[in-house]
Amino acid sequence: MIATQYKIILPSDYDMNIIKDRVRNNGYKTDAFEDLKFKLYLTTEKGANGSLQNSYCPLYIWKDSNGLNKFLFEGFYDNIIKSFGWQKVNVGIPLIDTTTHKIRDSKFLFEVTREISPKESLNNLKNEIEKHIPKIKEAEYVVVYSPDKWIYNVFYFIDDLKKVISEEGILYDILHISQEKNLSISS
């Protein structure tokens, strides 16, 4: 699996309804996209839920590189370039994935970032990460690591904001979730 995300920081006076309309009118286009486990259409709004900025930050979990390559190089990503300019696409590797079809009911995604400090061995690092990540009751999550930066991100699917008030991280609104065909939401 491969995780990708681009974080588009928008001006503080940007009308976030533009993004909401964009997702409402086009989000379905990645439903059941080739090799896509899920895509989360994520936003933050300045002043809402502790956010300091407006942003549009889609997160993708790919089952294989074929779908990612198709998305980037066969015209789909061109819509981002045309609308927002050239964006850096962050790439990571999913290490732990507890998600099920239940994620489709989530309204928020909560992201916690941690460093992977130098060690003599990375043996059992997965168990150490799992042991030390914040525990959020009934939240499914994905842990994605980036060995080029030696960090990992934990993305929690949240339905109730009270579950994260004691943790520090980024809280995103989920505008739409595209999922693989056998998990997609039927209309």
N, C-alpha and C. Protein backbone atom coordinates (compact mmCIF):
# COMPACT_ATOMS: atom_id res chain seq x y z
N MET A 1 0.84 -1.18 0.00
CA MET A 1 0.00 0.00 0.00
C MET A 1 0.88 1.25 0.00
N ILE A 2 0.31 2.33 -0.48
CA ILE A 2 0.98 3.62 -0.54
C ILE A 2 0.00 4.68 -0.07
N ALA A 3 0.48 5.63 0.71
CA ALA A 3 -0.35 6.76 1.11
C ALA A 3 0.18 8.01 0.43
N THR A 4 -0.72 8.86 -0.05
CA THR A 4 -0.32 10.14 -0.63
C THR A 4 -1.23 11.23 -0.09
N GLN A 5 -0.66 12.41 0.04
CA GLN A 5 -1.45 13.56 0.47
C GLN A 5 -0.78 14.83 -0.03
N TYR A 6 -1.57 15.74 -0.52
CA TYR A 6 -1.07 17.08 -0.81
C TYR A 6 -1.85 18.03 0.09
N LYS A 7 -1.14 19.00 0.65
CA LYS A 7 -1.74 19.95 1.57
C LYS A 7 -1.70 21.33 0.92
N ILE A 8 -2.85 21.77 0.47
CA ILE A 8 -2.97 23.05 -0.20
C ILE A 8 -3.41 24.08 0.84
N ILE A 9 -2.51 24.99 1.18
CA ILE A 9 -2.81 26.04 2.14
C ILE A 9 -3.46 27.19 1.36
N LEU A 10 -4.63 27.61 1.85
CA LEU A 10 -5.41 28.64 1.16
C LEU A 10 -5.38 29.94 1.96
N PRO A 11 -5.61 31.07 1.29
CA PRO A 11 -5.61 32.36 2.01
C PRO A 11 -6.64 32.37 3.16
N SER A 12 -6.37 33.17 4.18
CA SER A 12 -7.24 33.19 5.36
C SER A 12 -8.64 33.71 5.03
N ASP A 13 -8.79 34.47 3.95
CA ASP A 13 -10.12 34.97 3.58
C ASP A 13 -10.74 34.16 2.43
N TYR A 14 -10.16 33.00 2.14
CA TYR A 14 -10.66 32.15 1.05
C TYR A 14 -12.07 31.64 1.40
N ASP A 15 -12.96 31.67 0.45
CA ASP A 15 -14.33 31.17 0.65
C ASP A 15 -14.30 29.65 0.56
N MET A 16 -14.36 28.98 1.69
CA MET A 16 -14.26 27.52 1.73
C MET A 16 -15.46 26.85 1.08
N ASN A 17 -16.52 27.59 0.80
CA ASN A 17 -17.66 27.02 0.06
C ASN A 17 -17.25 26.62 -1.35
N ILE A 18 -16.21 27.26 -1.88
CA ILE A 18 -15.69 26.88 -3.20
C ILE A 18 -15.21 25.43 -3.17
N ILE A 19 -14.46 25.07 -2.11
CA ILE A 19 -13.96 23.70 -1.96
C ILE A 19 -15.12 22.75 -1.71
N LYS A 20 -16.03 23.13 -0.84
CA LYS A 20 -17.18 22.27 -0.54
C LYS A 20 -18.00 21.98 -1.79
N ASP A 21 -18.22 23.00 -2.62
CA ASP A 21 -18.95 22.80 -3.88
C ASP A 21 -18.15 21.92 -4.83
N ARG A 22 -16.86 22.13 -4.88
CA ARG A 22 -15.98 21.33 -5.75
C ARG A 22 -16.10 19.85 -5.39
N VAL A 23 -16.05 19.55 -4.10
CA VAL A 23 -16.14 18.16 -3.65
C VAL A 23 -17.54 17.61 -3.88
N ARG A 24 -18.55 18.40 -3.58
CA ARG A 24 -19.94 17.96 -3.79
C ARG A 24 -20.19 17.61 -5.26
N ASN A 25 -19.62 18.41 -6.17
CA ASN A 25 -19.84 18.20 -7.60
C ASN A 25 -18.91 17.18 -8.24
N ASN A 26 -17.77 16.91 -7.61
CA ASN A 26 -16.77 16.05 -8.26
C ASN A 26 -16.25 14.90 -7.42
N GLY A 27 -16.55 14.86 -6.13
CA GLY A 27 -16.00 13.83 -5.25
C GLY A 27 -16.30 12.41 -5.71
N TYR A 28 -17.46 12.22 -6.26
CA TYR A 28 -17.86 10.89 -6.71
C TYR A 28 -16.94 10.34 -7.81
N LYS A 29 -16.19 11.21 -8.48
CA LYS A 29 -15.36 10.78 -9.62
C LYS A 29 -14.23 9.84 -9.20
N THR A 30 -13.87 9.84 -7.92
CA THR A 30 -12.84 8.89 -7.47
C THR A 30 -13.45 7.70 -6.73
N ASP A 31 -14.77 7.63 -6.64
CA ASP A 31 -15.41 6.44 -6.06
C ASP A 31 -15.01 5.24 -6.91
N ALA A 32 -14.51 4.19 -6.28
CA ALA A 32 -14.09 2.96 -6.94
C ALA A 32 -12.97 3.17 -7.97
N PHE A 33 -12.13 4.19 -7.76
CA PHE A 33 -10.99 4.44 -8.65
C PHE A 33 -10.01 3.27 -8.55
N GLU A 34 -9.38 2.95 -9.65
CA GLU A 34 -8.46 1.81 -9.72
C GLU A 34 -7.43 1.82 -8.58
N ASP A 35 -7.34 0.71 -7.85
CA ASP A 35 -6.35 0.49 -6.79
C ASP A 35 -6.48 1.43 -5.59
N LEU A 36 -7.56 2.20 -5.52
CA LEU A 36 -7.76 3.11 -4.40
C LEU A 36 -8.51 2.40 -3.29
N LYS A 37 -7.89 2.31 -2.12
CA LYS A 37 -8.61 1.77 -0.97
C LYS A 37 -9.59 2.83 -0.48
N PHE A 38 -9.07 4.06 -0.25
CA PHE A 38 -9.97 5.18 0.01
C PHE A 38 -9.26 6.50 -0.23
N LYS A 39 -10.07 7.51 -0.52
CA LYS A 39 -9.62 8.90 -0.62
C LYS A 39 -10.52 9.71 0.30
N LEU A 40 -9.89 10.52 1.13
CA LEU A 40 -10.62 11.40 2.02
C LEU A 40 -10.46 12.83 1.51
N TYR A 41 -11.57 13.48 1.27
CA TYR A 41 -11.57 14.89 0.89
C TYR A 41 -11.60 15.68 2.19
N LEU A 42 -10.46 16.27 2.56
CA LEU A 42 -10.28 16.89 3.87
C LEU A 42 -10.09 18.39 3.77
N THR A 43 -10.65 19.11 4.74
CA THR A 43 -10.42 20.55 4.82
C THR A 43 -10.20 20.96 6.27
N THR A 44 -9.53 22.10 6.43
CA THR A 44 -9.52 22.81 7.70
C THR A 44 -10.01 24.22 7.39
N GLU A 45 -10.65 24.83 8.38
CA GLU A 45 -11.11 26.22 8.22
C GLU A 45 -10.56 27.06 9.36
N LYS A 46 -9.95 28.17 9.01
CA LYS A 46 -9.37 29.05 10.02
C LYS A 46 -10.42 29.41 11.06
N GLY A 47 -10.05 29.20 12.33
CA GLY A 47 -10.94 29.54 13.42
C GLY A 47 -11.91 28.44 13.82
N ALA A 48 -12.01 27.39 13.04
CA ALA A 48 -12.90 26.28 13.37
C ALA A 48 -12.07 25.11 13.92
N ASN A 49 -12.50 24.54 15.02
CA ASN A 49 -11.85 23.38 15.62
C ASN A 49 -10.35 23.59 15.87
N GLY A 50 -10.00 24.82 16.26
CA GLY A 50 -8.62 25.12 16.61
C GLY A 50 -7.69 25.31 15.42
N SER A 51 -8.22 25.36 14.21
CA SER A 51 -7.36 25.50 13.04
C SER A 51 -6.90 26.94 12.86
N LEU A 52 -5.65 27.10 12.46
CA LEU A 52 -5.07 28.42 12.22
C LEU A 52 -5.12 28.82 10.75
N GLN A 53 -5.58 27.89 9.89
CA GLN A 53 -5.55 28.20 8.45
C GLN A 53 -6.64 27.45 7.70
N ASN A 54 -6.92 27.96 6.52
CA ASN A 54 -7.79 27.26 5.59
C ASN A 54 -6.91 26.34 4.76
N SER A 55 -7.38 25.12 4.54
CA SER A 55 -6.61 24.20 3.71
C SER A 55 -7.52 23.15 3.08
N TYR A 56 -7.01 22.59 2.01
CA TYR A 56 -7.63 21.47 1.32
C TYR A 56 -6.55 20.41 1.23
N CYS A 57 -6.78 19.23 1.86
CA CYS A 57 -5.70 18.25 2.07
C CYS A 57 -6.15 16.82 1.80
N PRO A 58 -6.50 16.47 0.58
CA PRO A 58 -6.94 15.09 0.32
C PRO A 58 -5.89 14.05 0.71
N LEU A 59 -6.36 12.97 1.31
CA LEU A 59 -5.50 11.86 1.72
C LEU A 59 -5.96 10.61 0.98
N TYR A 60 -5.02 9.92 0.37
CA TYR A 60 -5.30 8.71 -0.41
C TYR A 60 -4.56 7.53 0.22
N ILE A 61 -5.22 6.41 0.27
CA ILE A 61 -4.54 5.14 0.57
C ILE A 61 -4.75 4.26 -0.66
N TRP A 62 -3.64 3.95 -1.30
CA TRP A 62 -3.63 3.15 -2.53
C TRP A 62 -3.24 1.71 -2.21
N LYS A 63 -3.89 0.77 -2.86
CA LYS A 63 -3.54 -0.65 -2.69
C LYS A 63 -2.31 -1.00 -3.52
N ASP A 64 -2.05 -0.21 -4.57
CA ASP A 64 -0.99 -0.54 -5.51
C ASP A 64 -0.55 0.76 -6.20
N SER A 65 0.62 0.76 -6.78
CA SER A 65 1.11 1.96 -7.46
C SER A 65 0.44 2.21 -8.81
N ASN A 66 -0.20 1.20 -9.40
CA ASN A 66 -0.84 1.40 -10.71
C ASN A 66 -1.90 2.49 -10.66
N GLY A 67 -2.75 2.45 -9.64
CA GLY A 67 -3.80 3.46 -9.52
C GLY A 67 -3.23 4.84 -9.27
N LEU A 68 -2.21 4.92 -8.42
CA LEU A 68 -1.55 6.20 -8.15
C LEU A 68 -0.94 6.76 -9.43
N ASN A 69 -0.25 5.92 -10.19
CA ASN A 69 0.35 6.37 -11.45
C ASN A 69 -0.73 6.84 -12.43
N LYS A 70 -1.82 6.12 -12.49
CA LYS A 70 -2.93 6.53 -13.36
C LYS A 70 -3.45 7.89 -12.93
N PHE A 71 -3.66 8.07 -11.63
CA PHE A 71 -4.18 9.33 -11.11
C PHE A 71 -3.24 10.50 -11.44
N LEU A 72 -1.94 10.31 -11.18
CA LEU A 72 -0.99 11.40 -11.40
C LEU A 72 -0.72 11.69 -12.87
N PHE A 73 -0.59 10.64 -13.69
CA PHE A 73 -0.05 10.81 -15.03
C PHE A 73 -1.04 10.63 -16.18
N GLU A 74 -2.30 10.40 -15.86
CA GLU A 74 -3.28 10.25 -16.94
C GLU A 74 -4.38 11.31 -16.88
N GLY A 75 -4.02 12.49 -16.36
CA GLY A 75 -4.91 13.65 -16.44
C GLY A 75 -5.76 13.95 -15.23
N PHE A 76 -5.89 13.05 -14.29
CA PHE A 76 -6.75 13.28 -13.13
C PHE A 76 -6.16 14.35 -12.20
N TYR A 77 -4.86 14.25 -11.93
CA TYR A 77 -4.19 15.22 -11.06
C TYR A 77 -4.09 16.60 -11.72
N ASP A 78 -4.24 16.66 -13.04
CA ASP A 78 -4.19 17.94 -13.75
C ASP A 78 -5.23 18.92 -13.22
N ASN A 79 -6.35 18.41 -12.71
CA ASN A 79 -7.37 19.29 -12.15
C ASN A 79 -6.84 20.05 -10.94
N ILE A 80 -6.00 19.41 -10.15
CA ILE A 80 -5.38 20.09 -9.00
C ILE A 80 -4.40 21.14 -9.50
N ILE A 81 -3.56 20.77 -10.46
CA ILE A 81 -2.58 21.72 -11.00
C ILE A 81 -3.28 22.95 -11.59
N LYS A 82 -4.34 22.73 -12.36
CA LYS A 82 -5.07 23.85 -12.98
C LYS A 82 -5.72 24.74 -11.94
N SER A 83 -6.24 24.17 -10.87
CA SER A 83 -6.97 24.94 -9.86
C SER A 83 -6.07 25.58 -8.81
N PHE A 84 -5.00 24.88 -8.42
CA PHE A 84 -4.20 25.32 -7.28
C PHE A 84 -2.71 25.46 -7.57
N GLY A 85 -2.29 25.15 -8.77
CA GLY A 85 -0.87 25.22 -9.10
C GLY A 85 -0.16 23.93 -8.72
N TRP A 86 1.14 23.94 -8.98
CA TRP A 86 1.98 22.77 -8.73
C TRP A 86 2.04 22.49 -7.24
N GLN A 87 1.71 21.27 -6.84
CA GLN A 87 1.69 20.89 -5.43
C GLN A 87 2.65 19.72 -5.19
N LYS A 88 3.29 19.76 -4.05
CA LYS A 88 4.14 18.65 -3.62
C LYS A 88 3.22 17.55 -3.09
N VAL A 89 3.41 16.33 -3.57
CA VAL A 89 2.62 15.19 -3.12
C VAL A 89 3.46 14.42 -2.12
N ASN A 90 3.05 14.44 -0.85
CA ASN A 90 3.75 13.69 0.18
C ASN A 90 3.41 12.20 0.04
N VAL A 91 4.42 11.37 0.18
CA VAL A 91 4.25 9.92 0.01
C VAL A 91 4.68 9.23 1.30
N GLY A 92 3.89 8.26 1.72
CA GLY A 92 4.22 7.48 2.91
C GLY A 92 3.80 6.03 2.71
N ILE A 93 4.15 5.22 3.66
CA ILE A 93 3.86 3.80 3.59
C ILE A 93 2.99 3.42 4.78
N PRO A 94 1.79 2.91 4.52
CA PRO A 94 0.95 2.47 5.64
C PRO A 94 1.62 1.31 6.40
N LEU A 95 1.66 1.45 7.71
CA LEU A 95 2.27 0.45 8.57
C LEU A 95 1.19 -0.33 9.34
N ILE A 96 0.18 0.38 9.81
CA ILE A 96 -0.93 -0.22 10.55
C ILE A 96 -2.21 0.34 9.95
N ASP A 97 -3.16 -0.53 9.68
CA ASP A 97 -4.44 -0.10 9.11
C ASP A 97 -5.55 -0.88 9.80
N THR A 98 -6.32 -0.20 10.63
CA THR A 98 -7.42 -0.86 11.35
C THR A 98 -8.78 -0.52 10.73
N THR A 99 -8.77 0.12 9.56
CA THR A 99 -10.02 0.62 8.98
C THR A 99 -10.90 -0.49 8.43
N THR A 100 -12.20 -0.25 8.53
CA THR A 100 -13.23 -1.11 7.95
C THR A 100 -14.21 -0.21 7.19
N HIS A 101 -15.28 -0.81 6.73
CA HIS A 101 -16.32 -0.04 6.05
C HIS A 101 -16.92 1.04 6.94
N LYS A 102 -16.73 0.95 8.24
CA LYS A 102 -17.30 1.91 9.19
C LYS A 102 -16.74 3.32 9.02
N ILE A 103 -15.60 3.46 8.35
CA ILE A 103 -15.04 4.80 8.19
C ILE A 103 -16.00 5.72 7.43
N ARG A 104 -16.87 5.14 6.62
CA ARG A 104 -17.78 5.97 5.82
C ARG A 104 -18.72 6.81 6.68
N ASP A 105 -18.86 6.46 7.96
CA ASP A 105 -19.72 7.22 8.86
C ASP A 105 -18.97 8.33 9.60
N SER A 106 -17.68 8.44 9.39
CA SER A 106 -16.87 9.42 10.10
C SER A 106 -17.06 10.81 9.50
N LYS A 107 -17.07 11.79 10.39
CA LYS A 107 -17.22 13.18 9.96
C LYS A 107 -15.90 13.95 10.04
N PHE A 108 -14.96 13.40 10.82
CA PHE A 108 -13.69 14.08 11.04
C PHE A 108 -12.53 13.10 10.94
N LEU A 109 -11.37 13.64 10.59
CA LEU A 109 -10.12 12.88 10.63
C LEU A 109 -9.17 13.68 11.52
N PHE A 110 -8.57 13.00 12.47
CA PHE A 110 -7.64 13.63 13.40
C PHE A 110 -6.25 13.09 13.13
N GLU A 111 -5.28 13.98 12.89
CA GLU A 111 -3.92 13.59 12.54
C GLU A 111 -2.95 13.96 13.66
N VAL A 112 -2.18 12.96 14.08
CA VAL A 112 -1.12 13.15 15.07
C VAL A 112 0.19 12.77 14.39
N THR A 113 1.20 13.61 14.53
CA THR A 113 2.50 13.35 13.90
C THR A 113 3.55 13.15 14.99
N ARG A 114 4.38 12.14 14.79
CA ARG A 114 5.45 11.83 15.74
C ARG A 114 6.74 11.53 14.96
N GLU A 115 7.86 11.79 15.62
CA GLU A 115 9.16 11.47 15.03
C GLU A 115 9.54 10.03 15.34
N ILE A 116 10.31 9.45 14.45
CA ILE A 116 10.95 8.16 14.71
C ILE A 116 12.41 8.51 15.00
N SER A 117 12.78 8.41 16.26
CA SER A 117 14.13 8.81 16.65
C SER A 117 15.14 7.72 16.27
N PRO A 118 16.40 8.13 16.07
CA PRO A 118 17.43 7.15 15.72
C PRO A 118 17.54 6.05 16.77
N LYS A 119 17.72 4.83 16.30
CA LYS A 119 17.84 3.67 17.18
C LYS A 119 18.86 2.70 16.60
N GLU A 120 19.28 1.78 17.41
CA GLU A 120 20.22 0.78 16.92
C GLU A 120 19.53 -0.26 16.05
N SER A 121 18.22 -0.41 16.23
CA SER A 121 17.47 -1.39 15.44
C SER A 121 16.03 -0.92 15.27
N LEU A 122 15.47 -1.19 14.12
CA LEU A 122 14.06 -0.88 13.88
C LEU A 122 13.18 -2.11 14.11
N ASN A 123 13.81 -3.19 14.54
CA ASN A 123 13.06 -4.40 14.86
C ASN A 123 12.02 -4.07 15.92
N ASN A 124 10.80 -4.50 15.72
CA ASN A 124 9.69 -4.27 16.65
C ASN A 124 9.21 -2.82 16.71
N LEU A 125 9.62 -1.98 15.76
CA LEU A 125 9.17 -0.59 15.77
C LEU A 125 7.64 -0.49 15.62
N LYS A 126 7.08 -1.34 14.80
CA LYS A 126 5.63 -1.34 14.61
C LYS A 126 4.92 -1.55 15.95
N ASN A 127 5.38 -2.52 16.72
CA ASN A 127 4.78 -2.77 18.04
C ASN A 127 4.96 -1.60 18.98
N GLU A 128 6.12 -0.96 18.93
CA GLU A 128 6.38 0.21 19.78
C GLU A 128 5.46 1.37 19.42
N ILE A 129 5.30 1.60 18.13
CA ILE A 129 4.41 2.68 17.69
C ILE A 129 2.99 2.39 18.16
N GLU A 130 2.54 1.19 17.93
CA GLU A 130 1.17 0.83 18.31
C GLU A 130 0.96 0.97 19.83
N LYS A 131 1.98 0.65 20.58
CA LYS A 131 1.90 0.73 22.04
C LYS A 131 1.82 2.19 22.53
N HIS A 132 2.50 3.11 21.82
CA HIS A 132 2.64 4.48 22.31
C HIS A 132 1.72 5.51 21.64
N ILE A 133 0.99 5.14 20.61
CA ILE A 133 0.11 6.14 20.00
C ILE A 133 -1.05 6.45 20.94
N PRO A 134 -1.58 7.67 20.84
CA PRO A 134 -2.74 7.99 21.68
C PRO A 134 -3.88 7.01 21.42
N LYS A 135 -4.56 6.65 22.48
CA LYS A 135 -5.71 5.75 22.37
C LYS A 135 -6.97 6.60 22.33
N ILE A 136 -7.73 6.46 21.26
CA ILE A 136 -8.98 7.19 21.11
C ILE A 136 -10.09 6.15 20.99
N LYS A 137 -10.97 6.16 21.95
CA LYS A 137 -12.02 5.14 22.07
C LYS A 137 -12.82 4.99 20.77
N GLU A 138 -12.90 3.74 20.32
CA GLU A 138 -13.70 3.34 19.16
C GLU A 138 -13.29 4.01 17.85
N ALA A 139 -12.09 4.55 17.79
CA ALA A 139 -11.64 5.20 16.55
C ALA A 139 -10.79 4.23 15.74
N GLU A 140 -11.17 4.03 14.50
CA GLU A 140 -10.32 3.28 13.58
C GLU A 140 -9.21 4.22 13.14
N TYR A 141 -8.07 3.65 12.74
CA TYR A 141 -6.95 4.51 12.38
C TYR A 141 -6.02 3.84 11.38
N VAL A 142 -5.20 4.69 10.77
CA VAL A 142 -4.14 4.26 9.87
C VAL A 142 -2.86 4.94 10.35
N VAL A 143 -1.77 4.18 10.43
CA VAL A 143 -0.46 4.75 10.74
C VAL A 143 0.36 4.69 9.45
N VAL A 144 0.87 5.86 9.06
CA VAL A 144 1.66 5.98 7.84
C VAL A 144 3.03 6.52 8.22
N TYR A 145 4.10 5.86 7.75
CA TYR A 145 5.44 6.36 8.05
C TYR A 145 6.13 6.83 6.79
N SER A 146 7.07 7.76 6.99
CA SER A 146 7.87 8.30 5.88
C SER A 146 9.34 8.16 6.25
N PRO A 147 10.02 7.14 5.71
CA PRO A 147 11.41 6.94 6.09
C PRO A 147 12.35 8.03 5.57
N ASP A 148 11.92 8.83 4.60
CA ASP A 148 12.77 9.93 4.15
C ASP A 148 12.81 11.06 5.18
N LYS A 149 11.78 11.16 6.02
CA LYS A 149 11.72 12.19 7.07
C LYS A 149 11.81 11.56 8.46
N TRP A 150 11.69 10.26 8.56
CA TRP A 150 11.63 9.52 9.81
C TRP A 150 10.57 10.10 10.75
N ILE A 151 9.35 10.15 10.19
CA ILE A 151 8.18 10.52 10.97
C ILE A 151 7.08 9.51 10.68
N TYR A 152 6.09 9.51 11.55
CA TYR A 152 4.88 8.76 11.24
C TYR A 152 3.68 9.60 11.63
N ASN A 153 2.60 9.39 10.90
CA ASN A 153 1.34 10.08 11.14
C ASN A 153 0.30 9.04 11.49
N VAL A 154 -0.50 9.35 12.48
CA VAL A 154 -1.64 8.50 12.83
C VAL A 154 -2.87 9.29 12.43
N PHE A 155 -3.69 8.68 11.58
CA PHE A 155 -4.94 9.30 11.11
C PHE A 155 -6.10 8.55 11.74
N TYR A 156 -6.83 9.23 12.63
CA TYR A 156 -7.96 8.64 13.34
C TYR A 156 -9.27 9.08 12.70
N PHE A 157 -10.15 8.14 12.49
CA PHE A 157 -11.50 8.45 12.00
C PHE A 157 -12.38 8.72 13.21
N ILE A 158 -12.92 9.93 13.27
CA ILE A 158 -13.63 10.40 14.46
C ILE A 158 -15.07 10.77 14.11
N ASP A 159 -15.96 10.42 15.01
CA ASP A 159 -17.36 10.84 14.85
C ASP A 159 -17.78 11.84 15.91
N ASP A 160 -16.98 12.00 16.95
CA ASP A 160 -17.32 12.87 18.07
C ASP A 160 -16.08 13.66 18.48
N LEU A 161 -16.14 14.98 18.36
CA LEU A 161 -14.97 15.83 18.66
C LEU A 161 -14.51 15.74 20.11
N LYS A 162 -15.39 15.36 21.01
CA LYS A 162 -15.01 15.25 22.42
C LYS A 162 -13.93 14.20 22.63
N LYS A 163 -13.81 13.27 21.70
CA LYS A 163 -12.83 12.19 21.84
C LYS A 163 -11.38 12.68 21.68
N VAL A 164 -11.19 13.87 21.09
CA VAL A 164 -9.83 14.32 20.81
C VAL A 164 -9.45 15.62 21.53
N ILE A 165 -10.26 16.10 22.43
CA ILE A 165 -9.96 17.39 23.06
C ILE A 165 -8.68 17.38 23.89
N SER A 166 -8.25 16.23 24.34
CA SER A 166 -7.04 16.18 25.18
C SER A 166 -5.78 15.90 24.35
N GLU A 167 -5.90 15.76 23.06
CA GLU A 167 -4.74 15.45 22.20
C GLU A 167 -4.39 16.64 21.32
N GLU A 168 -3.10 16.74 20.96
CA GLU A 168 -2.66 17.78 20.02
C GLU A 168 -2.50 17.17 18.65
N GLY A 169 -3.05 17.85 17.65
CA GLY A 169 -2.95 17.38 16.28
C GLY A 169 -3.77 18.27 15.38
N ILE A 170 -4.00 17.80 14.18
CA ILE A 170 -4.78 18.54 13.19
C ILE A 170 -6.12 17.84 13.03
N LEU A 171 -7.18 18.62 13.12
CA LEU A 171 -8.52 18.08 12.95
C LEU A 171 -9.07 18.54 11.60
N TYR A 172 -9.38 17.58 10.76
CA TYR A 172 -9.92 17.86 9.43
C TYR A 172 -11.41 17.52 9.39
N ASP A 173 -12.15 18.29 8.62
CA ASP A 173 -13.51 17.91 8.27
C ASP A 173 -13.42 16.98 7.08
N ILE A 174 -14.19 15.90 7.10
CA ILE A 174 -14.26 14.99 5.96
C ILE A 174 -15.47 15.41 5.13
N LEU A 175 -15.22 15.86 3.90
CA LEU A 175 -16.31 16.29 3.03
C LEU A 175 -16.89 15.12 2.24
N HIS A 176 -16.05 14.16 1.91
CA HIS A 176 -16.48 12.99 1.12
C HIS A 176 -15.43 11.90 1.28
N ILE A 177 -15.87 10.66 1.23
CA ILE A 177 -14.95 9.52 1.24
C ILE A 177 -15.23 8.68 0.00
N SER A 178 -14.23 8.56 -0.85
CA SER A 178 -14.29 7.62 -1.97
C SER A 178 -13.65 6.33 -1.50
N GLN A 179 -14.29 5.21 -1.79
CA GLN A 179 -13.75 3.93 -1.35
C GLN A 179 -13.69 2.95 -2.51
N GLU A 180 -12.91 1.89 -2.27
CA GLU A 180 -12.82 0.83 -3.26
C GLU A 180 -14.21 0.26 -3.51
N LYS A 181 -14.37 -0.37 -4.64
CA LYS A 181 -15.68 -0.80 -5.09
C LYS A 181 -16.45 -1.62 -4.09
N ASN A 182 -15.82 -2.60 -3.47
CA ASN A 182 -16.57 -3.48 -2.55
C ASN A 182 -16.87 -2.79 -1.21
N LEU A 183 -16.29 -1.58 -0.95
CA LEU A 183 -16.61 -0.86 0.27
C LEU A 183 -17.35 0.44 -0.01
N SER A 184 -17.58 0.76 -1.28
CA SER A 184 -18.18 2.05 -1.58
C SER A 184 -19.62 2.14 -1.08
N ILE A 185 -20.03 3.36 -0.85
CA ILE A 185 -21.37 3.63 -0.32
C ILE A 185 -22.35 3.56 -1.47
N SER A 186 -23.43 2.81 -1.31
CA SER A 186 -24.41 2.76 -2.37
C SER A 186 -25.37 3.93 -2.23
N SER A 187 -25.72 4.49 -3.37
CA SER A 187 -26.60 5.67 -3.39
C SER A 187 -28.05 5.26 -3.31
